[in-house]
């Protein structure tokens, strides 16, 4: 399967079971930002969380090729795009 198609499936076609198990992806990233902000005593945005996870996957990839690193980075980028589009719609 094409890695971009697989990443799109992760972001756009999450199964009901995954949503039930982990919650909405964007909502979880927003919660992650709030928790990280409290832990670090400074504001960390949802977009910051996406950027950190994308950077982590690319850093791991720089050490050793694993398709999962690239797949996850693509999925995070796709979800970040969805988040930014949703954010822009709400303005």
PDB file of N, CA and C in Angstrom:
ATOM      1  N   UNK A   1       0.846  -1.179   0.000  1.00  0.00           N
ATOM      2  CA  UNK A   1       0.000   0.000   0.000  1.00  0.00           C
ATOM      3  C   UNK A   1       0.894   1.246   0.000  1.00  0.00           C
ATOM      4  N   UNK A   2       0.483   2.258  -0.720  1.00  0.00           N
ATOM      5  CA  UNK A   2       1.181   3.532  -0.756  1.00  0.00           C
ATOM      6  C   UNK A   2       1.179   4.169   0.632  1.00  0.00           C
ATOM      7  N   UNK A   3       2.332   4.696   1.052  1.00  0.00           N
ATOM      8  CA  UNK A   3       2.456   5.242   2.403  1.00  0.00           C
ATOM      9  C   UNK A   3       1.519   6.429   2.621  1.00  0.00           C
ATOM     10  N   UNK A   4       1.298   7.247   1.599  1.00  0.00           N
ATOM     11  CA  UNK A   4       0.399   8.396   1.754  1.00  0.00           C
ATOM     12  C   UNK A   4      -1.047   7.946   1.891  1.00  0.00           C
ATOM     13  N   UNK A   5      -1.421   6.892   1.166  1.00  0.00           N
ATOM     14  CA  UNK A   5      -2.774   6.333   1.302  1.00  0.00           C
ATOM     15  C   UNK A   5      -2.947   5.737   2.689  1.00  0.00           C
ATOM     16  N   UNK A   6      -1.942   5.038   3.159  1.00  0.00           N
ATOM     17  CA  UNK A   6      -2.007   4.446   4.498  1.00  0.00           C
ATOM     18  C   UNK A   6      -2.126   5.536   5.560  1.00  0.00           C
ATOM     19  N   UNK A   7      -1.363   6.621   5.399  1.00  0.00           N
ATOM     20  CA  UNK A   7      -1.441   7.731   6.359  1.00  0.00           C
ATOM     21  C   UNK A   7      -2.825   8.371   6.318  1.00  0.00           C
ATOM     22  N   UNK A   8      -3.380   8.533   5.121  1.00  0.00           N
ATOM     23  CA  UNK A   8      -4.733   9.088   4.995  1.00  0.00           C
ATOM     24  C   UNK A   8      -5.750   8.185   5.677  1.00  0.00           C
ATOM     25  N   UNK A   9      -5.580   6.877   5.551  1.00  0.00           N
ATOM     26  CA  UNK A   9      -6.492   5.939   6.220  1.00  0.00           C
ATOM     27  C   UNK A   9      -6.421   6.106   7.741  1.00  0.00           C
ATOM     28  N   UNK A  10      -5.222   6.330   8.252  1.00  0.00           N
ATOM     29  CA  UNK A  10      -5.057   6.514   9.697  1.00  0.00           C
ATOM     30  C   UNK A  10      -5.792   7.761  10.159  1.00  0.00           C
ATOM     31  N   UNK A  11      -5.621   8.858   9.408  1.00  0.00           N
ATOM     32  CA  UNK A  11      -6.174  10.145   9.813  1.00  0.00           C
ATOM     33  C   UNK A  11      -7.660  10.258   9.487  1.00  0.00           C
ATOM     34  N   UNK A  12      -8.037   9.878   8.276  1.00  0.00           N
ATOM     35  CA  UNK A  12      -9.402  10.133   7.802  1.00  0.00           C
ATOM     36  C   UNK A  12     -10.373   8.995   8.052  1.00  0.00           C
ATOM     37  N   UNK A  13      -9.874   7.805   8.134  1.00  0.00           N
ATOM     38  CA  UNK A  13     -10.764   6.650   8.219  1.00  0.00           C
ATOM     39  C   UNK A  13     -10.530   5.843   9.482  1.00  0.00           C
ATOM     40  N   UNK A  14     -10.263   6.547  10.574  1.00  0.00           N
ATOM     41  CA  UNK A  14     -10.073   5.819  11.836  1.00  0.00           C
ATOM     42  C   UNK A  14     -11.304   4.981  12.105  1.00  0.00           C
ATOM     43  N   UNK A  15     -11.070   3.791  12.494  1.00  0.00           N
ATOM     44  CA  UNK A  15     -12.200   2.918  12.762  1.00  0.00           C
ATOM     45  C   UNK A  15     -12.911   3.358  14.026  1.00  0.00           C
ATOM     46  N   UNK A  16     -14.144   2.977  14.129  1.00  0.00           N
ATOM     47  CA  UNK A  16     -14.933   3.295  15.326  1.00  0.00           C
ATOM     48  C   UNK A  16     -14.252   2.744  16.566  1.00  0.00           C
ATOM     49  N   UNK A  17     -13.654   1.573  16.448  1.00  0.00           N
ATOM     50  CA  UNK A  17     -12.977   0.952  17.589  1.00  0.00           C
ATOM     51  C   UNK A  17     -11.810   1.820  18.059  1.00  0.00           C
ATOM     52  N   UNK A  18     -11.003   2.326  17.116  1.00  0.00           N
ATOM     53  CA  UNK A  18      -9.873   3.185  17.487  1.00  0.00           C
ATOM     54  C   UNK A  18     -10.369   4.446  18.174  1.00  0.00           C
ATOM     55  N   UNK A  19     -11.438   5.046  17.636  1.00  0.00           N
ATOM     56  CA  UNK A  19     -11.979   6.263  18.234  1.00  0.00           C
ATOM     57  C   UNK A  19     -12.486   5.978  19.631  1.00  0.00           C
ATOM     58  N   UNK A  20     -13.165   4.852  19.807  1.00  0.00           N
ATOM     59  CA  UNK A  20     -13.679   4.471  21.126  1.00  0.00           C
ATOM     60  C   UNK A  20     -12.532   4.223  22.096  1.00  0.00           C
ATOM     61  N   UNK A  21     -11.479   3.610  21.596  1.00  0.00           N
ATOM     62  CA  UNK A  21     -10.352   3.232  22.440  1.00  0.00           C
ATOM     63  C   UNK A  21      -9.480   4.438  22.800  1.00  0.00           C
ATOM     64  N   UNK A  22      -9.198   5.311  21.834  1.00  0.00           N
ATOM     65  CA  UNK A  22      -8.257   6.402  22.050  1.00  0.00           C
ATOM     66  C   UNK A  22      -8.884   7.787  22.024  1.00  0.00           C
ATOM     67  N   UNK A  23     -10.109   7.907  21.584  1.00  0.00           N
ATOM     68  CA  UNK A  23     -10.743   9.210  21.456  1.00  0.00           C
ATOM     69  C   UNK A  23     -10.377   9.876  20.141  1.00  0.00           C
ATOM     70  N   UNK A  24     -11.006  11.012  19.876  1.00  0.00           N
ATOM     71  CA  UNK A  24     -10.745  11.773  18.663  1.00  0.00           C
ATOM     72  C   UNK A  24      -9.293  12.243  18.664  1.00  0.00           C
ATOM     73  N   UNK A  25      -8.624  12.107  17.535  1.00  0.00           N
ATOM     74  CA  UNK A  25      -7.192  12.390  17.455  1.00  0.00           C
ATOM     75  C   UNK A  25      -6.885  13.849  17.772  1.00  0.00           C
ATOM     76  N   UNK A  26      -7.621  14.783  17.168  1.00  0.00           N
ATOM     77  CA  UNK A  26      -7.370  16.201  17.407  1.00  0.00           C
ATOM     78  C   UNK A  26      -7.662  16.551  18.861  1.00  0.00           C
ATOM     79  N   UNK A  27      -8.744  16.006  19.418  1.00  0.00           N
ATOM     80  CA  UNK A  27      -9.051  16.247  20.827  1.00  0.00           C
ATOM     81  C   UNK A  27      -7.916  15.755  21.728  1.00  0.00           C
ATOM     82  N   UNK A  28      -7.362  14.608  21.414  1.00  0.00           N
ATOM     83  CA  UNK A  28      -6.253  14.070  22.214  1.00  0.00           C
ATOM     84  C   UNK A  28      -5.017  14.959  22.108  1.00  0.00           C
ATOM     85  N   UNK A  29      -4.767  15.504  20.931  1.00  0.00           N
ATOM     86  CA  UNK A  29      -3.624  16.406  20.777  1.00  0.00           C
ATOM     87  C   UNK A  29      -3.836  17.682  21.584  1.00  0.00           C
ATOM     88  N   UNK A  30      -5.066  18.180  21.640  1.00  0.00           N
ATOM     89  CA  UNK A  30      -5.372  19.368  22.448  1.00  0.00           C
ATOM     90  C   UNK A  30      -5.183  19.075  23.930  1.00  0.00           C
ATOM     91  N   UNK A  31      -5.626  17.893  24.370  1.00  0.00           N
ATOM     92  CA  UNK A  31      -5.413  17.497  25.767  1.00  0.00           C
ATOM     93  C   UNK A  31      -3.929  17.353  26.063  1.00  0.00           C
ATOM     94  N   UNK A  32      -3.195  16.801  25.120  1.00  0.00           N
ATOM     95  CA  UNK A  32      -1.751  16.655  25.273  1.00  0.00           C
ATOM     96  C   UNK A  32      -1.104  18.019  25.483  1.00  0.00           C
ATOM     97  N   UNK A  33      -1.540  19.014  24.716  1.00  0.00           N
ATOM     98  CA  UNK A  33      -0.995  20.366  24.846  1.00  0.00           C
ATOM     99  C   UNK A  33      -1.283  20.939  26.235  1.00  0.00           C
ATOM    100  N   UNK A  34      -2.499  20.726  26.732  1.00  0.00           N
ATOM    101  CA  UNK A  34      -2.849  21.241  28.059  1.00  0.00           C
ATOM    102  C   UNK A  34      -2.015  20.562  29.152  1.00  0.00           C
ATOM    103  N   UNK A  35      -1.870  19.259  29.065  1.00  0.00           N
ATOM    104  CA  UNK A  35      -1.086  18.513  30.061  1.00  0.00           C
ATOM    105  C   UNK A  35       0.377  18.947  29.999  1.00  0.00           C
ATOM    106  N   UNK A  36       0.934  19.033  28.797  1.00  0.00           N
ATOM    107  CA  UNK A  36       2.339  19.437  28.648  1.00  0.00           C
ATOM    108  C   UNK A  36       2.552  20.865  29.150  1.00  0.00           C
ATOM    109  N   UNK A  37       1.565  21.724  28.944  1.00  0.00           N
ATOM    110  CA  UNK A  37       1.658  23.098  29.445  1.00  0.00           C
ATOM    111  C   UNK A  37       1.735  23.113  30.965  1.00  0.00           C
ATOM    112  N   UNK A  38       0.894  22.332  31.595  1.00  0.00           N
ATOM    113  CA  UNK A  38       0.920  22.249  33.064  1.00  0.00           C
ATOM    114  C   UNK A  38       2.241  21.669  33.556  1.00  0.00           C
ATOM    115  N   UNK A  39       2.716  20.639  32.894  1.00  0.00           N
ATOM    116  CA  UNK A  39       3.946  19.984  33.313  1.00  0.00           C
ATOM    117  C   UNK A  39       5.167  20.885  33.161  1.00  0.00           C
ATOM    118  N   UNK A  40       5.167  21.725  32.144  1.00  0.00           N
ATOM    119  CA  UNK A  40       6.341  22.559  31.877  1.00  0.00           C
ATOM    120  C   UNK A  40       6.183  23.996  32.357  1.00  0.00           C
ATOM    121  N   UNK A  41       5.005  24.308  32.878  1.00  0.00           N
ATOM    122  CA  UNK A  41       4.721  25.647  33.404  1.00  0.00           C
ATOM    123  C   UNK A  41       4.889  26.730  32.336  1.00  0.00           C
ATOM    124  N   UNK A  42       4.524  26.395  31.092  1.00  0.00           N
ATOM    125  CA  UNK A  42       4.502  27.364  29.999  1.00  0.00           C
ATOM    126  C   UNK A  42       3.510  26.870  28.958  1.00  0.00           C
ATOM    127  N   UNK A  43       3.036  27.791  28.142  1.00  0.00           N
ATOM    128  CA  UNK A  43       2.023  27.408  27.163  1.00  0.00           C
ATOM    129  C   UNK A  43       2.639  26.607  26.024  1.00  0.00           C
ATOM    130  N   UNK A  44       2.052  25.450  25.798  1.00  0.00           N
ATOM    131  CA  UNK A  44       2.391  24.609  24.657  1.00  0.00           C
ATOM    132  C   UNK A  44       1.096  24.429  23.879  1.00  0.00           C
ATOM    133  N   UNK A  45       1.138  24.767  22.618  1.00  0.00           N
ATOM    134  CA  UNK A  45      -0.075  24.719  21.802  1.00  0.00           C
ATOM    135  C   UNK A  45      -0.285  23.332  21.199  1.00  0.00           C
ATOM    136  N   UNK A  46      -1.472  23.122  20.702  1.00  0.00           N
ATOM    137  CA  UNK A  46      -1.763  21.878  19.988  1.00  0.00           C
ATOM    138  C   UNK A  46      -0.836  21.742  18.787  1.00  0.00           C
ATOM    139  N   UNK A  47      -0.620  22.841  18.085  1.00  0.00           N
ATOM    140  CA  UNK A  47       0.281  22.808  16.926  1.00  0.00           C
ATOM    141  C   UNK A  47       1.706  22.457  17.360  1.00  0.00           C
ATOM    142  N   UNK A  48       2.136  22.971  18.508  1.00  0.00           N
ATOM    143  CA  UNK A  48       3.455  22.599  19.042  1.00  0.00           C
ATOM    144  C   UNK A  48       3.551  21.086  19.224  1.00  0.00           C
ATOM    145  N   UNK A  49       2.501  20.482  19.757  1.00  0.00           N
ATOM    146  CA  UNK A  49       2.508  19.026  19.991  1.00  0.00           C
ATOM    147  C   UNK A  49       2.657  18.269  18.676  1.00  0.00           C
ATOM    148  N   UNK A  50       1.906  18.692  17.661  1.00  0.00           N
ATOM    149  CA  UNK A  50       2.064  18.064  16.341  1.00  0.00           C
ATOM    150  C   UNK A  50       3.506  18.197  15.867  1.00  0.00           C
ATOM    151  N   UNK A  51       4.067  19.406  15.969  1.00  0.00           N
ATOM    152  CA  UNK A  51       5.429  19.642  15.477  1.00  0.00           C
ATOM    153  C   UNK A  51       6.449  18.776  16.198  1.00  0.00           C
ATOM    154  N   UNK A  52       6.281  18.600  17.497  1.00  0.00           N
ATOM    155  CA  UNK A  52       7.209  17.767  18.264  1.00  0.00           C
ATOM    156  C   UNK A  52       7.113  16.305  17.817  1.00  0.00           C
ATOM    157  N   UNK A  53       5.894  15.812  17.633  1.00  0.00           N
ATOM    158  CA  UNK A  53       5.749  14.410  17.219  1.00  0.00           C
ATOM    159  C   UNK A  53       6.291  14.182  15.810  1.00  0.00           C
ATOM    160  N   UNK A  54       6.063  15.140  14.917  1.00  0.00           N
ATOM    161  CA  UNK A  54       6.620  15.030  13.560  1.00  0.00           C
ATOM    162  C   UNK A  54       8.148  15.034  13.636  1.00  0.00           C
ATOM    163  N   UNK A  55       8.698  15.949  14.430  1.00  0.00           N
ATOM    164  CA  UNK A  55      10.157  16.020  14.584  1.00  0.00           C
ATOM    165  C   UNK A  55      10.722  14.727  15.161  1.00  0.00           C
ATOM    166  N   UNK A  56      10.032  14.155  16.148  1.00  0.00           N
ATOM    167  CA  UNK A  56      10.478  12.900  16.748  1.00  0.00           C
ATOM    168  C   UNK A  56      10.547  11.792  15.703  1.00  0.00           C
ATOM    169  N   UNK A  57       9.516  11.677  14.891  1.00  0.00           N
ATOM    170  CA  UNK A  57       9.504  10.616  13.873  1.00  0.00           C
ATOM    171  C   UNK A  57      10.618  10.823  12.856  1.00  0.00           C
ATOM    172  N   UNK A  58      10.882  12.087  12.463  1.00  0.00           N
ATOM    173  CA  UNK A  58      11.959  12.355  11.507  1.00  0.00           C
ATOM    174  C   UNK A  58      13.321  12.123  12.144  1.00  0.00           C
ATOM    175  N   UNK A  59      13.471  12.448  13.427  1.00  0.00           N
ATOM    176  CA  UNK A  59      14.729  12.172  14.125  1.00  0.00           C
ATOM    177  C   UNK A  59      14.984  10.674  14.197  1.00  0.00           C
ATOM    178  N   UNK A  60      13.956   9.912  14.496  1.00  0.00           N
ATOM    179  CA  UNK A  60      14.115   8.454  14.538  1.00  0.00           C
ATOM    180  C   UNK A  60      14.489   7.920  13.162  1.00  0.00           C
ATOM    181  N   UNK A  61      13.852   8.468  12.133  1.00  0.00           N
ATOM    182  CA  UNK A  61      14.128   8.040  10.768  1.00  0.00           C
ATOM    183  C   UNK A  61      15.570   8.335  10.386  1.00  0.00           C
ATOM    184  N   UNK A  62      16.121   9.431  10.904  1.00  0.00           N
ATOM    185  CA  UNK A  62      17.503   9.783  10.563  1.00  0.00           C
ATOM    186  C   UNK A  62      18.497   8.762  11.128  1.00  0.00           C
ATOM    187  N   UNK A  63      18.088   8.025  12.153  1.00  0.00           N
ATOM    188  CA  UNK A  63      18.949   6.989  12.727  1.00  0.00           C
ATOM    189  C   UNK A  63      18.840   5.666  11.996  1.00  0.00           C
ATOM    190  N   UNK A  64      17.624   5.345  11.572  1.00  0.00           N
ATOM    191  CA  UNK A  64      17.400   4.057  10.938  1.00  0.00           C
ATOM    192  C   UNK A  64      16.076   4.091  10.183  1.00  0.00           C
ATOM    193  N   UNK A  65      16.083   3.630   8.937  1.00  0.00           N
ATOM    194  CA  UNK A  65      14.843   3.621   8.159  1.00  0.00           C
ATOM    195  C   UNK A  65      13.876   2.580   8.712  1.00  0.00           C
ATOM    196  N   UNK A  66      12.723   3.077   9.071  1.00  0.00           N
ATOM    197  CA  UNK A  66      11.598   2.210   9.417  1.00  0.00           C
ATOM    198  C   UNK A  66      10.382   2.874   8.813  1.00  0.00           C
ATOM    199  N   UNK A  67       9.675   2.145   7.998  1.00  0.00           N
ATOM    200  CA  UNK A  67       8.525   2.722   7.309  1.00  0.00           C
ATOM    201  C   UNK A  67       7.530   3.328   8.285  1.00  0.00           C
ATOM    202  N   UNK A  68       7.416   2.742   9.476  1.00  0.00           N
ATOM    203  CA  UNK A  68       6.490   3.248  10.480  1.00  0.00           C
ATOM    204  C   UNK A  68       6.801   4.693  10.867  1.00  0.00           C
ATOM    205  N   UNK A  69       8.085   5.059  10.908  1.00  0.00           N
ATOM    206  CA  UNK A  69       8.456   6.444  11.208  1.00  0.00           C
ATOM    207  C   UNK A  69       7.865   7.392  10.172  1.00  0.00           C
ATOM    208  N   UNK A  70       8.035   7.050   8.904  1.00  0.00           N
ATOM    209  CA  UNK A  70       7.542   7.904   7.822  1.00  0.00           C
ATOM    210  C   UNK A  70       6.017   7.892   7.775  1.00  0.00           C
ATOM    211  N   UNK A  71       5.419   6.737   8.006  1.00  0.00           N
ATOM    212  CA  UNK A  71       3.963   6.634   8.023  1.00  0.00           C
ATOM    213  C   UNK A  71       3.374   7.512   9.121  1.00  0.00           C
ATOM    214  N   UNK A  72       3.932   7.419  10.312  1.00  0.00           N
ATOM    215  CA  UNK A  72       3.429   8.238  11.416  1.00  0.00           C
ATOM    216  C   UNK A  72       3.640   9.724  11.148  1.00  0.00           C
ATOM    217  N   UNK A  73       4.810  10.103  10.607  1.00  0.00           N
ATOM    218  CA  UNK A  73       5.068  11.516  10.302  1.00  0.00           C
ATOM    219  C   UNK A  73       4.042  12.035   9.302  1.00  0.00           C
ATOM    220  N   UNK A  74       3.757  11.251   8.261  1.00  0.00           N
ATOM    221  CA  UNK A  74       2.744  11.647   7.273  1.00  0.00           C
ATOM    222  C   UNK A  74       1.363  11.765   7.913  1.00  0.00           C
ATOM    223  N   UNK A  75       1.030  10.832   8.786  1.00  0.00           N
ATOM    224  CA  UNK A  75      -0.276  10.868   9.455  1.00  0.00           C
ATOM    225  C   UNK A  75      -0.375  12.092  10.357  1.00  0.00           C
ATOM    226  N   UNK A  76       0.694  12.413  11.092  1.00  0.00           N
ATOM    227  CA  UNK A  76       0.679  13.608  11.944  1.00  0.00           C
ATOM    228  C   UNK A  76       0.547  14.876  11.101  1.00  0.00           C
ATOM    229  N   UNK A  77       1.229  14.924   9.978  1.00  0.00           N
ATOM    230  CA  UNK A  77       1.133  16.086   9.089  1.00  0.00           C
ATOM    231  C   UNK A  77      -0.292  16.216   8.551  1.00  0.00           C
ATOM    232  N   UNK A  78      -0.899  15.092   8.159  1.00  0.00           N
ATOM    233  CA  UNK A  78      -2.277  15.123   7.677  1.00  0.00           C
ATOM    234  C   UNK A  78      -3.246  15.581   8.749  1.00  0.00           C
ATOM    235  N   UNK A  79      -3.062  15.100   9.953  1.00  0.00           N
ATOM    236  CA  UNK A  79      -3.937  15.497  11.048  1.00  0.00           C
ATOM    237  C   UNK A  79      -3.708  16.961  11.424  1.00  0.00           C
ATOM    238  N   UNK A  80      -2.468  17.428  11.366  1.00  0.00           N
ATOM    239  CA  UNK A  80      -2.183  18.843  11.609  1.00  0.00           C
ATOM    240  C   UNK A  80      -2.911  19.702  10.592  1.00  0.00           C
ATOM    241  N   UNK A  81      -2.913  19.280   9.347  1.00  0.00           N
ATOM    242  CA  UNK A  81      -3.636  20.010   8.315  1.00  0.00           C
ATOM    243  C   UNK A  81      -5.128  20.060   8.631  1.00  0.00           C
ATOM    244  N   UNK A  82      -5.692  18.943   9.057  1.00  0.00           N
ATOM    245  CA  UNK A  82      -7.108  18.921   9.450  1.00  0.00           C
ATOM    246  C   UNK A  82      -7.370  19.862  10.617  1.00  0.00           C
ATOM    247  N   UNK A  83      -6.471  19.853  11.601  1.00  0.00           N
ATOM    248  CA  UNK A  83      -6.596  20.732  12.760  1.00  0.00           C
ATOM    249  C   UNK A  83      -6.589  22.192  12.333  1.00  0.00           C
ATOM    250  N   UNK A  84      -5.620  22.573  11.469  1.00  0.00           N
ATOM    251  CA  UNK A  84      -5.511  23.959  11.022  1.00  0.00           C
ATOM    252  C   UNK A  84      -6.742  24.368  10.202  1.00  0.00           C
ATOM    253  N   UNK A  85      -7.243  23.460   9.359  1.00  0.00           N
ATOM    254  CA  UNK A  85      -8.456  23.763   8.587  1.00  0.00           C
ATOM    255  C   UNK A  85      -9.651  23.982   9.515  1.00  0.00           C
ATOM    256  N   UNK A  86      -9.787  23.129  10.517  1.00  0.00           N
ATOM    257  CA  UNK A  86     -10.881  23.264  11.490  1.00  0.00           C
ATOM    258  C   UNK A  86     -10.751  24.574  12.252  1.00  0.00           C
ATOM    259  N   UNK A  87      -9.528  24.898  12.647  1.00  0.00           N
ATOM    260  CA  UNK A  87      -9.243  26.140  13.361  1.00  0.00           C
ATOM    261  C   UNK A  87      -9.635  27.354  12.506  1.00  0.00           C
ATOM    262  N   UNK A  88      -9.286  27.315  11.215  1.00  0.00           N
ATOM    263  CA  UNK A  88      -9.603  28.415  10.309  1.00  0.00           C
ATOM    264  C   UNK A  88     -11.106  28.544  10.079  1.00  0.00           C
ATOM    265  N   UNK A  89     -11.807  27.416  10.025  1.00  0.00           N
ATOM    266  CA  UNK A  89     -13.266  27.439   9.851  1.00  0.00           C
ATOM    267  C   UNK A  89     -13.954  28.089  11.041  1.00  0.00           C
ATOM    268  N   UNK A  90     -13.396  27.922  12.229  1.00  0.00           N
ATOM    269  CA  UNK A  90     -14.003  28.448  13.442  1.00  0.00           C
ATOM    270  C   UNK A  90     -13.761  29.956  13.598  1.00  0.00           C
ATOM    271  N   UNK A  91     -12.866  30.519  12.810  1.00  0.00           N
ATOM    272  CA  UNK A  91     -12.567  31.963  12.897  1.00  0.00           C
ATOM    273  C   UNK A  91     -13.562  32.778  12.116  1.00  0.00           C
TER     274      UNK A  91
END
